[in-house]
Each structure stands twice: as structure tokens, then as C-alpha cells.
């Protein structure tokens, strides 16, 4: 499962998530954390591209 998909699913079923036990909520959070760690390289690469684009377009440093 991709991180975006996990987040979209979490948002869609937020009412159900609110009723989960602490252990179940923790399992969801650990899954999200694992996905972030596994996608770290692509996330950082995309972030660098976003920063470069913003700088190229003259965006204020404080907004980047």
C-alpha cells in the first residue's frame, strides 16, 4: 500500500479509526511510519525538486 493511499483510506474511515483500540491505532501508525521510511529516498528527491522549482519561480525563502 502506498502512503497516499493509506492516508486517503484513513481519512475516509476516520469515524471508524476513532473507535479503534489503542493497539489497533498504533498498528495503523506503525504502518504509516514504515511506509515513510521505505519511501524516504523518493520523498526527499521529490522535496528537492519542489524546492528547486519554488526557488526558480522566485518564491520567498520563508514560504519554501
N, C-alpha and C. Protein backbone atom coordinates (compact mmCIF):
# COMPACT_ATOMS: atom_id res chain seq x y z
N UNK A 1 0.85 -1.17 0.00
CA UNK A 1 0.00 0.00 0.00
C UNK A 1 0.89 1.23 0.00
N UNK A 2 0.56 2.20 -0.81
CA UNK A 2 1.30 3.45 -0.88
C UNK A 2 0.85 4.38 0.26
N UNK A 3 1.73 5.30 0.64
CA UNK A 3 1.43 6.22 1.73
C UNK A 3 0.19 7.06 1.44
N UNK A 4 0.11 7.59 0.21
CA UNK A 4 -1.05 8.41 -0.15
C UNK A 4 -2.34 7.60 -0.01
N UNK A 5 -2.31 6.38 -0.46
CA UNK A 5 -3.48 5.51 -0.35
C UNK A 5 -3.84 5.28 1.11
N UNK A 6 -2.83 5.04 1.95
CA UNK A 6 -3.07 4.83 3.37
C UNK A 6 -3.72 6.07 3.99
N UNK A 7 -3.21 7.25 3.65
CA UNK A 7 -3.76 8.49 4.20
C UNK A 7 -5.19 8.73 3.72
N UNK A 8 -5.44 8.47 2.44
CA UNK A 8 -6.80 8.63 1.90
C UNK A 8 -7.76 7.67 2.58
N UNK A 9 -7.32 6.44 2.77
CA UNK A 9 -8.16 5.45 3.45
C UNK A 9 -8.43 5.85 4.89
N UNK A 10 -7.38 6.36 5.57
CA UNK A 10 -7.54 6.78 6.96
C UNK A 10 -8.54 7.93 7.06
N UNK A 11 -8.44 8.87 6.13
CA UNK A 11 -9.38 9.99 6.14
C UNK A 11 -10.81 9.52 5.88
N UNK A 12 -10.94 8.61 4.92
CA UNK A 12 -12.28 8.12 4.55
C UNK A 12 -12.95 7.37 5.70
N UNK A 13 -12.15 6.73 6.53
CA UNK A 13 -12.77 5.95 7.62
C UNK A 13 -12.38 6.50 8.98
N UNK A 14 -12.25 7.82 9.07
CA UNK A 14 -11.85 8.46 10.32
C UNK A 14 -12.81 8.17 11.47
N UNK A 15 -14.07 8.02 11.16
CA UNK A 15 -15.04 7.70 12.21
C UNK A 15 -14.78 6.33 12.82
N UNK A 16 -14.40 5.40 11.98
CA UNK A 16 -14.08 4.04 12.45
C UNK A 16 -12.78 4.06 13.22
N UNK A 17 -11.79 4.78 12.71
CA UNK A 17 -10.50 4.84 13.38
C UNK A 17 -10.65 5.38 14.80
N UNK A 18 -11.52 6.32 14.98
CA UNK A 18 -11.75 6.88 16.30
C UNK A 18 -12.26 5.86 17.30
N UNK A 19 -12.83 4.79 16.82
CA UNK A 19 -13.38 3.75 17.69
C UNK A 19 -12.42 2.58 17.90
N UNK A 20 -11.24 2.63 17.26
CA UNK A 20 -10.28 1.54 17.39
C UNK A 20 -9.63 1.55 18.77
N UNK A 21 -9.14 0.39 19.16
CA UNK A 21 -8.40 0.30 20.41
C UNK A 21 -7.03 0.98 20.22
N UNK A 22 -6.38 1.24 21.31
CA UNK A 22 -5.04 1.84 21.25
C UNK A 22 -4.10 0.96 20.45
N UNK A 23 -4.16 -0.32 20.64
CA UNK A 23 -3.29 -1.25 19.90
C UNK A 23 -3.55 -1.18 18.40
N UNK A 24 -4.81 -1.10 18.02
CA UNK A 24 -5.15 -1.02 16.60
C UNK A 24 -4.70 0.32 16.01
N UNK A 25 -4.90 1.40 16.75
CA UNK A 25 -4.44 2.71 16.28
C UNK A 25 -2.92 2.71 16.12
N UNK A 26 -2.22 2.12 17.08
CA UNK A 26 -0.77 2.04 16.99
C UNK A 26 -0.33 1.25 15.77
N UNK A 27 -1.04 0.18 15.45
CA UNK A 27 -0.71 -0.61 14.27
C UNK A 27 -0.83 0.24 13.00
N UNK A 28 -1.86 1.06 12.93
CA UNK A 28 -2.04 1.97 11.78
C UNK A 28 -0.87 2.96 11.72
N UNK A 29 -0.51 3.52 12.84
CA UNK A 29 0.60 4.49 12.88
C UNK A 29 1.93 3.83 12.51
N UNK A 30 2.16 2.62 12.99
CA UNK A 30 3.40 1.91 12.64
C UNK A 30 3.45 1.59 11.14
N UNK A 31 2.32 1.27 10.57
CA UNK A 31 2.27 1.02 9.12
C UNK A 31 2.61 2.29 8.36
N UNK A 32 2.06 3.41 8.77
CA UNK A 32 2.36 4.68 8.12
C UNK A 32 3.84 5.03 8.28
N UNK A 33 4.38 4.80 9.46
CA UNK A 33 5.80 5.08 9.71
C UNK A 33 6.68 4.20 8.82
N UNK A 34 6.35 2.93 8.70
CA UNK A 34 7.11 2.02 7.84
C UNK A 34 7.08 2.49 6.38
N UNK A 35 5.91 2.93 5.93
CA UNK A 35 5.80 3.43 4.56
C UNK A 35 6.66 4.67 4.35
N UNK A 36 6.68 5.56 5.32
CA UNK A 36 7.51 6.76 5.21
C UNK A 36 8.99 6.40 5.14
N UNK A 37 9.41 5.48 5.98
CA UNK A 37 10.81 5.05 5.98
C UNK A 37 11.16 4.37 4.66
N UNK A 38 10.28 3.52 4.18
CA UNK A 38 10.54 2.81 2.92
C UNK A 38 10.55 3.73 1.72
N UNK A 39 9.86 4.83 1.79
CA UNK A 39 9.78 5.78 0.67
C UNK A 39 10.67 7.01 0.90
N UNK A 40 11.54 6.95 1.89
CA UNK A 40 12.35 8.12 2.27
C UNK A 40 13.10 8.71 1.07
N UNK A 41 13.77 7.88 0.31
CA UNK A 41 14.57 8.39 -0.80
C UNK A 41 13.72 9.12 -1.84
N UNK A 42 12.60 8.54 -2.22
CA UNK A 42 11.75 9.19 -3.22
C UNK A 42 11.08 10.44 -2.65
N UNK A 43 10.77 10.46 -1.38
CA UNK A 43 10.19 11.64 -0.75
C UNK A 43 11.20 12.78 -0.74
N UNK A 44 12.44 12.48 -0.36
CA UNK A 44 13.47 13.52 -0.32
C UNK A 44 13.81 14.02 -1.72
N UNK A 45 13.83 13.13 -2.69
CA UNK A 45 14.09 13.54 -4.07
C UNK A 45 12.99 14.47 -4.56
N UNK A 46 11.75 14.11 -4.32
CA UNK A 46 10.63 14.95 -4.74
C UNK A 46 10.67 16.30 -4.01
N UNK A 47 11.05 16.29 -2.75
CA UNK A 47 11.15 17.52 -1.98
C UNK A 47 12.21 18.45 -2.58
N UNK A 48 13.35 17.90 -2.96
CA UNK A 48 14.41 18.70 -3.58
C UNK A 48 13.92 19.34 -4.88
N UNK A 49 13.18 18.57 -5.66
CA UNK A 49 12.63 19.10 -6.91
C UNK A 49 11.64 20.23 -6.64
N UNK A 50 10.80 20.04 -5.64
CA UNK A 50 9.83 21.08 -5.27
C UNK A 50 10.53 22.36 -4.82
N UNK A 51 11.59 22.22 -4.03
CA UNK A 51 12.33 23.38 -3.55
C UNK A 51 13.00 24.10 -4.71
N UNK A 52 13.63 23.35 -5.59
CA UNK A 52 14.30 23.94 -6.75
C UNK A 52 13.29 24.69 -7.63
N UNK A 53 12.13 24.12 -7.83
CA UNK A 53 11.09 24.77 -8.64
C UNK A 53 10.62 26.06 -7.99
N UNK A 54 10.40 25.99 -6.68
CA UNK A 54 9.94 27.18 -5.96
C UNK A 54 10.98 28.29 -6.03
N UNK A 55 12.26 27.93 -5.88
CA UNK A 55 13.32 28.93 -5.96
C UNK A 55 13.40 29.52 -7.36
N UNK A 56 13.26 28.65 -8.37
CA UNK A 56 13.30 29.11 -9.76
C UNK A 56 12.18 30.09 -10.06
N UNK A 57 11.03 29.90 -9.43
CA UNK A 57 9.88 30.77 -9.65
C UNK A 57 9.92 32.01 -8.78
N UNK A 58 10.97 32.15 -7.95
CA UNK A 58 11.13 33.33 -7.13
C UNK A 58 10.33 33.34 -5.84
N UNK A 59 9.91 32.19 -5.39
CA UNK A 59 9.14 32.13 -4.14
C UNK A 59 10.04 32.56 -2.98
N UNK A 60 9.50 33.31 -2.05
CA UNK A 60 10.24 33.78 -0.89
C UNK A 60 10.74 32.60 -0.08
N UNK A 61 11.98 32.72 0.41
CA UNK A 61 12.60 31.62 1.18
C UNK A 61 11.71 31.18 2.35
N UNK A 62 11.06 32.13 2.99
CA UNK A 62 10.21 31.80 4.12
C UNK A 62 8.98 30.99 3.75
N UNK A 63 8.65 30.98 2.48
CA UNK A 63 7.48 30.23 2.02
C UNK A 63 7.84 28.83 1.52
N UNK A 64 9.13 28.58 1.39
CA UNK A 64 9.57 27.29 0.85
C UNK A 64 9.70 26.29 1.98
